[in-house]
Protein backbone atom coordinates (compact mmCIF):
# COMPACT_ATOMS: atom_id res chain seq x y z
CA MET A 1 -14.67 14.81 2.78
CA SER A 2 -12.68 11.55 2.52
CA ALA A 3 -8.91 11.72 2.19
CA LEU A 4 -7.32 11.19 -1.21
CA LEU A 5 -4.54 9.15 0.40
CA ASP A 6 -5.15 7.35 3.70
CA VAL A 7 -2.17 5.49 5.18
CA ARG A 8 -3.10 3.17 8.04
CA ASN A 9 -0.75 1.20 10.34
CA LEU A 10 1.96 1.03 7.67
CA THR A 11 4.86 -1.24 8.66
CA THR A 12 7.99 -2.01 6.64
CA ARG A 13 10.84 -4.25 7.79
CA ILE A 14 14.34 -5.05 6.54
CA PRO A 15 16.21 -8.24 7.57
CA THR A 16 19.89 -7.67 8.38
CA ARG A 17 22.72 -9.69 9.93
CA ASN A 18 21.93 -7.90 13.22
CA GLY A 19 18.27 -8.82 13.13
CA VAL A 20 15.08 -7.50 11.53
CA LEU A 21 14.85 -3.70 11.48
CA THR A 22 11.39 -2.12 11.56
CA ILE A 23 12.06 0.98 9.47
CA VAL A 24 8.43 2.10 9.30
CA ASN A 25 6.45 1.18 12.40
CA ASP A 26 2.64 1.44 12.48
CA VAL A 27 2.60 4.77 10.62
CA GLY A 28 -0.71 6.42 9.75
CA PHE A 29 -1.79 9.77 8.28
CA THR A 30 -4.11 11.22 5.64
CA LEU A 31 -3.46 13.48 2.66
CA ASN A 32 -6.27 15.55 1.18
CA GLU A 33 -6.66 16.89 -2.32
CA GLY A 34 -4.79 20.17 -2.75
CA GLU A 35 -2.98 19.80 0.59
CA CYS A 36 0.74 19.90 1.36
CA PHE A 37 1.47 17.54 4.26
CA GLY A 38 4.94 17.64 5.80
CA LEU A 39 6.77 14.60 7.15
CA VAL A 40 9.74 15.68 9.27
CA GLY A 41 12.42 14.11 11.42
CA GLU A 42 16.13 13.40 11.62
CA SER A 43 17.93 11.36 8.99
CA GLY A 44 17.14 7.67 9.43
CA SER A 45 13.73 8.24 11.01
CA GLY A 46 11.94 6.39 8.18
CA LYS A 47 10.58 9.30 6.14
CA SER A 48 11.91 8.21 2.76
CA MET A 49 10.89 4.61 3.37
CA VAL A 50 7.31 5.78 3.91
CA CYS A 51 7.31 7.25 0.39
CA ARG A 52 8.77 4.12 -1.16
CA SER A 53 6.35 1.93 0.78
CA ILE A 54 3.35 3.93 -0.45
CA LEU A 55 4.39 3.13 -4.02
CA ARG A 56 5.29 -0.41 -2.92
CA LEU A 57 8.83 0.17 -4.11
CA PRO A 58 10.96 -0.44 -0.99
CA PRO A 59 14.55 -1.70 -1.39
CA THR A 60 14.84 -5.28 -2.62
CA SER A 61 15.55 -6.64 0.86
CA ALA A 62 12.67 -4.75 2.50
CA ALA A 63 9.10 -5.95 2.85
CA LEU A 64 5.85 -4.17 3.57
CA THR A 65 4.53 -6.39 6.37
CA GLY A 66 1.38 -4.62 7.52
CA GLY A 67 -1.14 -1.85 7.10
CA GLN A 68 -3.27 -0.31 4.40
CA ILE A 69 -2.57 2.36 1.78
CA LEU A 70 -5.92 3.65 0.55
CA PHE A 71 -5.80 5.78 -2.59
CA ASP A 72 -9.22 7.10 -3.49
CA GLY A 73 -10.66 4.22 -1.45
CA VAL A 74 -8.59 1.50 -3.17
CA ASP A 75 -6.08 -0.41 -1.03
CA LEU A 76 -2.75 -0.37 -2.85
CA VAL A 77 -1.39 -3.14 -0.61
CA SER A 78 -3.75 -5.69 -2.16
CA LEU A 79 -3.41 -4.48 -5.77
CA PRO A 80 -1.65 -6.81 -8.25
CA GLU A 81 1.59 -5.53 -9.76
CA ARG A 82 -0.03 -4.86 -13.14
CA ASP A 83 -2.57 -2.48 -11.60
CA LEU A 84 0.13 -0.83 -9.51
CA ASN A 85 2.21 -0.15 -12.60
CA ALA A 86 -0.79 1.54 -14.18
CA LEU A 87 -1.08 3.78 -11.11
CA ARG A 88 2.60 4.62 -10.49
CA GLY A 89 3.46 7.85 -12.28
CA ARG A 90 -0.07 8.20 -13.59
CA GLN A 91 -1.89 8.85 -10.31
CA ILE A 92 0.93 8.95 -7.75
CA ALA A 93 4.40 10.22 -8.72
CA MET A 94 7.60 10.71 -6.77
CA ILE A 95 10.31 13.36 -6.77
CA VAL A 96 13.51 11.75 -5.50
CA GLN A 97 16.29 13.26 -3.40
CA ASP A 98 19.23 13.04 -5.80
CA ALA A 99 18.05 14.24 -9.20
CA ILE A 100 21.41 13.78 -10.91
CA ALA A 101 21.62 10.14 -9.82
CA ALA A 102 17.97 9.55 -10.80
CA LEU A 103 18.49 10.63 -14.42
CA ASN A 104 19.98 8.25 -16.97
CA PRO A 105 23.27 9.88 -18.08
CA VAL A 106 23.15 8.41 -21.61
CA LEU A 107 19.62 9.54 -22.57
CA PRO A 108 18.46 13.08 -23.42
CA VAL A 109 16.36 14.56 -20.63
CA GLY A 110 13.38 15.08 -22.94
CA ARG A 111 13.24 11.41 -23.75
CA GLN A 112 13.30 10.56 -20.05
CA VAL A 113 10.43 12.94 -19.25
CA ALA A 114 8.43 11.58 -22.23
CA GLU A 115 8.83 7.94 -21.21
CA ALA A 116 5.92 7.89 -18.74
CA MET A 117 3.69 9.86 -21.12
CA LEU A 118 4.11 7.19 -23.79
CA GLU A 119 3.84 4.30 -21.31
CA HIS A 120 0.53 5.55 -19.89
CA GLY A 121 -0.92 6.75 -23.18
CA ILE A 122 -0.92 10.44 -22.24
CA ALA A 123 0.90 11.23 -25.48
CA THR A 124 -0.35 9.76 -28.75
CA SER A 125 3.02 9.79 -30.51
CA ARG A 126 6.66 10.72 -29.96
CA ALA A 127 6.06 14.04 -31.68
CA ASP A 128 3.12 14.73 -29.35
CA ALA A 129 5.24 13.68 -26.36
CA ARG A 130 8.02 16.03 -27.43
CA GLU A 131 5.64 19.00 -27.56
CA ARG A 132 4.24 18.11 -24.16
CA VAL A 133 7.73 17.76 -22.68
CA ILE A 134 8.76 21.18 -24.03
CA ALA A 135 5.65 22.72 -22.46
CA LEU A 136 6.40 20.99 -19.15
CA MET A 137 10.02 22.10 -19.16
CA ARG A 138 8.85 25.66 -19.72
CA LYS A 139 6.34 25.29 -16.87
CA VAL A 140 9.02 24.23 -14.40
CA GLY A 141 11.27 27.12 -15.36
CA ILE A 142 13.85 25.56 -17.68
CA PRO A 143 14.94 28.28 -20.14
CA SER A 144 14.93 27.65 -23.92
CA PRO A 145 13.20 24.25 -23.58
CA GLU A 146 13.01 23.77 -27.36
CA ALA A 147 16.81 23.66 -27.45
CA ARG A 148 17.43 21.94 -24.11
CA VAL A 149 14.98 19.07 -24.58
CA ASP A 150 17.72 17.14 -26.41
CA ASN A 151 20.45 17.90 -23.86
CA TYR A 152 21.91 15.25 -21.56
CA PRO A 153 21.84 15.44 -17.74
CA TYR A 154 25.54 16.37 -17.53
CA GLU A 155 24.72 19.55 -19.47
CA PHE A 156 22.41 20.73 -16.65
CA SER A 157 23.21 22.15 -13.23
CA GLY A 158 21.96 20.40 -10.10
CA GLY A 159 19.03 22.80 -9.82
CA MET A 160 18.07 22.33 -13.46
CA CYS A 161 18.28 18.53 -13.07
CA GLN A 162 15.88 18.86 -10.16
CA ARG A 163 13.48 20.78 -12.41
CA VAL A 164 13.74 17.99 -14.98
CA VAL A 165 12.83 15.44 -12.29
CA ILE A 166 9.84 17.58 -11.26
CA ALA A 167 8.76 17.77 -14.92
CA ALA A 168 9.00 13.96 -15.12
CA ALA A 169 6.85 13.63 -11.99
CA LEU A 170 4.22 15.94 -13.52
CA ALA A 171 4.33 14.26 -16.94
CA CYS A 172 1.12 12.24 -16.50
CA ASN A 173 -0.87 14.81 -14.49
CA PRO A 174 -0.80 12.82 -11.22
CA ARG A 175 -3.06 13.63 -8.30
CA VAL A 176 -0.45 12.90 -5.59
CA ILE A 177 3.22 13.91 -5.51
CA LEU A 178 5.61 12.29 -3.02
CA ALA A 179 8.44 14.83 -2.71
CA ASP A 180 11.30 13.09 -0.90
CA GLU A 181 13.62 15.89 0.28
CA PRO A 182 13.51 17.49 -3.18
CA THR A 183 16.14 20.14 -2.35
CA THR A 184 18.86 17.86 -0.95
CA ALA A 185 22.40 18.80 -2.10
CA LEU A 186 21.26 22.11 -3.62
CA ASP A 187 22.55 25.47 -2.43
CA VAL A 188 20.22 27.68 -0.41
CA THR A 189 19.22 29.98 -3.29
CA ILE A 190 18.31 27.05 -5.56
CA GLN A 191 16.50 25.31 -2.70
CA ASP A 192 14.26 28.34 -2.32
CA GLN A 193 13.54 28.45 -6.06
CA ILE A 194 12.66 24.74 -6.20
CA LEU A 195 10.37 24.96 -3.16
CA LYS A 196 8.58 28.02 -4.53
CA LEU A 197 8.12 26.16 -7.82
CA LEU A 198 6.64 23.13 -6.03
CA VAL A 199 4.23 25.26 -4.01
CA GLU A 200 3.16 27.17 -7.11
CA LEU A 201 2.54 23.95 -9.03
CA GLN A 202 0.71 22.41 -6.09
CA LYS A 203 -1.70 25.33 -5.90
CA ASP A 204 -2.15 25.72 -9.67
CA LEU A 205 -2.74 22.00 -10.30
CA ARG A 206 -4.53 21.20 -7.01
CA LEU A 207 -1.93 18.54 -6.25
CA ALA A 208 -1.80 16.63 -2.99
CA VAL A 209 1.85 16.79 -1.90
CA LEU A 210 3.63 14.73 0.74
CA LEU A 211 6.73 16.81 1.46
CA VAL A 212 9.49 14.86 3.21
CA THR A 213 12.13 17.05 4.86
CA HIS A 214 14.28 17.50 7.95
CA ASP A 215 13.99 21.30 7.69
CA MET A 216 11.35 22.76 10.01
CA GLY A 217 11.61 26.12 8.23
CA VAL A 218 10.55 24.48 4.97
CA VAL A 219 7.56 22.96 6.76
CA ALA A 220 6.55 26.29 8.31
CA GLN A 221 6.48 27.99 4.92
CA ASN A 222 4.85 25.30 2.80
CA CYS A 223 2.75 22.76 4.74
CA GLN A 224 -0.76 22.85 6.16
CA ARG A 225 -0.28 19.82 8.44
CA VAL A 226 2.76 17.99 9.80
CA GLY A 227 3.67 14.50 10.95
CA VAL A 228 6.82 14.24 13.09
CA MET A 229 8.72 10.95 12.76
CA TYR A 230 11.17 9.40 15.21
CA SER A 231 12.69 5.93 14.95
CA GLY A 232 10.09 4.71 12.47
CA HIS A 233 7.08 6.09 14.37
CA ILE A 234 4.96 9.21 13.94
CA VAL A 235 5.18 10.76 17.42
CA GLU A 236 3.15 13.92 16.75
CA LEU A 237 0.64 15.00 14.12
CA ALA A 238 -1.18 18.34 13.91
CA THR A 239 -1.65 21.47 11.87
CA THR A 240 1.53 23.39 11.15
CA GLN A 241 0.34 26.28 13.30
CA ASP A 242 -0.26 23.99 16.29
CA ILE A 243 3.05 22.18 15.86
CA PHE A 244 4.99 25.44 15.95
CA SER A 245 2.93 27.28 18.58
CA GLN A 246 2.22 24.42 20.99
CA PRO A 247 4.24 21.25 20.39
CA ARG A 248 2.95 18.30 22.41
CA HIS A 249 5.93 15.95 22.12
CA PRO A 250 9.44 16.62 23.49
CA TYR A 251 11.06 15.48 20.25
CA THR A 252 9.08 18.07 18.30
CA ALA A 253 10.01 20.72 20.86
CA GLY A 254 13.64 19.64 20.48
CA LEU A 255 13.51 20.02 16.70
CA LEU A 256 12.01 23.50 17.08
CA SER A 257 14.73 24.52 19.53
CA CYS A 258 17.25 23.88 16.74
CA VAL A 259 15.56 26.38 14.39
CA PRO A 260 17.22 29.84 14.24
CA SER A 261 14.93 32.80 14.90
CA ILE A 262 15.05 36.35 13.56
CA ASP A 263 12.38 37.51 16.01
CA PRO A 264 13.90 40.39 18.06
CA GLU A 265 11.84 39.23 21.07
CA ASP A 266 13.94 36.07 21.18
CA GLY A 267 16.98 38.18 22.02
CA ASP A 268 20.17 36.14 22.26
CA ARG A 269 18.41 32.77 22.37
CA ARG A 270 20.92 30.01 21.74
CA LEU A 271 20.11 27.02 19.58
CA GLN A 272 19.66 23.88 21.67
CA PRO A 273 20.60 20.67 19.83
CA ILE A 274 18.92 17.45 20.88
CA ALA A 275 21.28 15.49 23.10
CA GLY A 276 22.43 12.02 22.11
CA SER A 277 21.77 10.06 18.93
CA PRO A 278 18.81 8.23 17.40
CA PRO A 279 18.41 4.66 18.68
CA ASP A 280 19.77 1.53 17.03
CA LEU A 281 16.78 -0.02 15.24
CA ALA A 282 18.28 -3.48 15.78
CA ASP A 283 18.14 -2.91 19.55
CA PRO A 284 15.72 -0.05 20.32
CA PRO A 285 15.15 1.06 23.92
CA GLN A 286 12.14 -0.23 25.82
CA GLY A 287 9.16 2.05 26.29
CA CYS A 288 9.21 5.40 24.51
CA ARG A 289 12.08 5.29 22.03
CA PHE A 290 12.90 8.92 22.69
CA HIS A 291 13.30 8.56 26.45
CA PRO A 292 17.14 8.17 26.46
CA ARG A 293 17.38 11.66 24.90
CA CYS A 294 14.38 13.30 26.57
CA PRO A 295 14.80 15.77 29.46
CA MET A 296 11.19 15.05 30.54
CA ALA A 297 11.60 11.26 30.74
CA ASP A 298 10.73 9.42 33.97
CA THR A 299 10.29 5.79 35.00
CA GLN A 300 6.94 5.57 33.19
CA CYS A 301 8.62 6.41 29.90
CA ARG A 302 11.00 3.46 30.16
CA SER A 303 8.32 0.79 29.84
CA GLY A 304 4.99 0.22 28.17
CA ALA A 305 3.65 1.37 24.83
CA PHE A 306 2.91 4.96 23.85
CA PRO A 307 0.59 5.05 20.83
CA LEU A 308 -0.38 8.22 19.02
CA ARG A 309 -3.56 9.64 20.57
CA GLU A 310 -5.60 12.80 20.24
CA VAL A 311 -4.63 15.27 22.97
CA ALA A 312 -6.46 18.30 21.52
CA PRO A 313 -8.85 18.69 18.57
CA GLY A 314 -6.91 17.52 15.51
CA HIS A 315 -3.67 17.28 17.51
CA PHE A 316 -2.12 13.85 18.19
CA SER A 317 0.85 12.99 20.39
CA ALA A 318 2.60 9.83 21.60
CA CYS A 319 3.87 11.43 24.84
CA ILE A 320 2.37 10.98 28.31
CA HIS A 321 3.83 14.35 29.35
CA HIS A 322 2.07 16.35 26.64
CA GLU A 323 0.08 18.40 29.18
CA ALA A 324 3.21 19.40 31.13
CA LEU A 325 4.89 20.40 27.88
CA ALA A 326 1.85 22.48 26.93
CA ARG A 327 1.89 24.24 30.32
CA ALA A 328 5.58 25.03 29.75
CA GLY A 329 4.72 26.70 26.44
CA GLY A 330 6.45 23.97 24.44
CA VAL A 331 9.81 24.75 26.09
CA LEU A 332 11.83 21.77 27.30
CA PRO A 333 13.52 21.77 30.70
CA ALA A 334 17.32 21.87 30.72
CA ALA A 335 18.78 18.53 29.65
CA THR A 336 20.49 16.37 32.24
CA SER A 337 23.11 13.68 31.85
CA SER A 338 20.42 10.99 32.26
CA ALA A 339 18.75 12.24 29.10
CA THR A 340 21.82 11.64 26.95
CA HIS A 341 22.04 8.40 25.01
CA ALA A 342 25.25 6.57 25.81
CA GLY A 343 27.91 7.22 23.26
CA GLY A 344 25.86 9.86 21.47
CA GLY A 345 26.77 13.40 20.60
CA PRO A 346 24.64 16.34 19.47
CA ALA A 347 22.27 15.35 16.71
């Protein structure tokens, strides 16, 4: 079965006064129909830029400089803008991080959800669009949608605004949803409700979902496969079960060591933050970009290139010490001062 979305060697760069920053660096992964694929990593690792690059909507100063984005076999990189506009929202839709900022404060929410329906011809008239919007608002759990369809964003809570944004993403029955940290700035209870809603919709509508997050717990509960990003690269890619049971990259193991556990067998296990800070993209370290923070780093790690390669069936890692990490049960050795990036603190 071919992938619905196949991202190959995606590279996006931004020119700055300090030089050209490669925000997304040779990134590749696939997304299958009905699958939830997680993209995880610290803030600034390039996760959100991957989503924007897939839709070819990076910031004005950024440029997609390499790679392919195959959607149903069609390369979006080579598509003219007119064809892309016909696809955005209709086939691939995005749920943004800050729902309140994404909504126009001077337009009723119903009108904003209906906009794409009318643009893509999903609704035949404004009256038809209104009925469809009310049905969508009900589907995403907004109470009394008949009354609230004419409300403005300021009349909704943060969680309800997020539901409006999800309704807008679903307005044209897309096949792929790019969910860019959809629970950012929401309290824990609302986060759980929004994630459960997304998973329910994904299963009911057979959506392919790219779920961008920095929360490993969210990934464990909702994703079938995971790509771990660091400094613009995917450094590990595997099934969720393999990532959690046998990580093959020290950065992944470091992220997992930051996750609280309620397993009584873990006893009084302390959380272990990753030492140091992510690298400066204007002046990244030579060799493996994680080596200044890695307790397993040696002289080999400080030079050369470390591409993603298959280290077990369906399991890819960009670390030369993946076998030693596997033998250690995915547990990192105690960090030393040499593994701390100069000037950095706990991440």
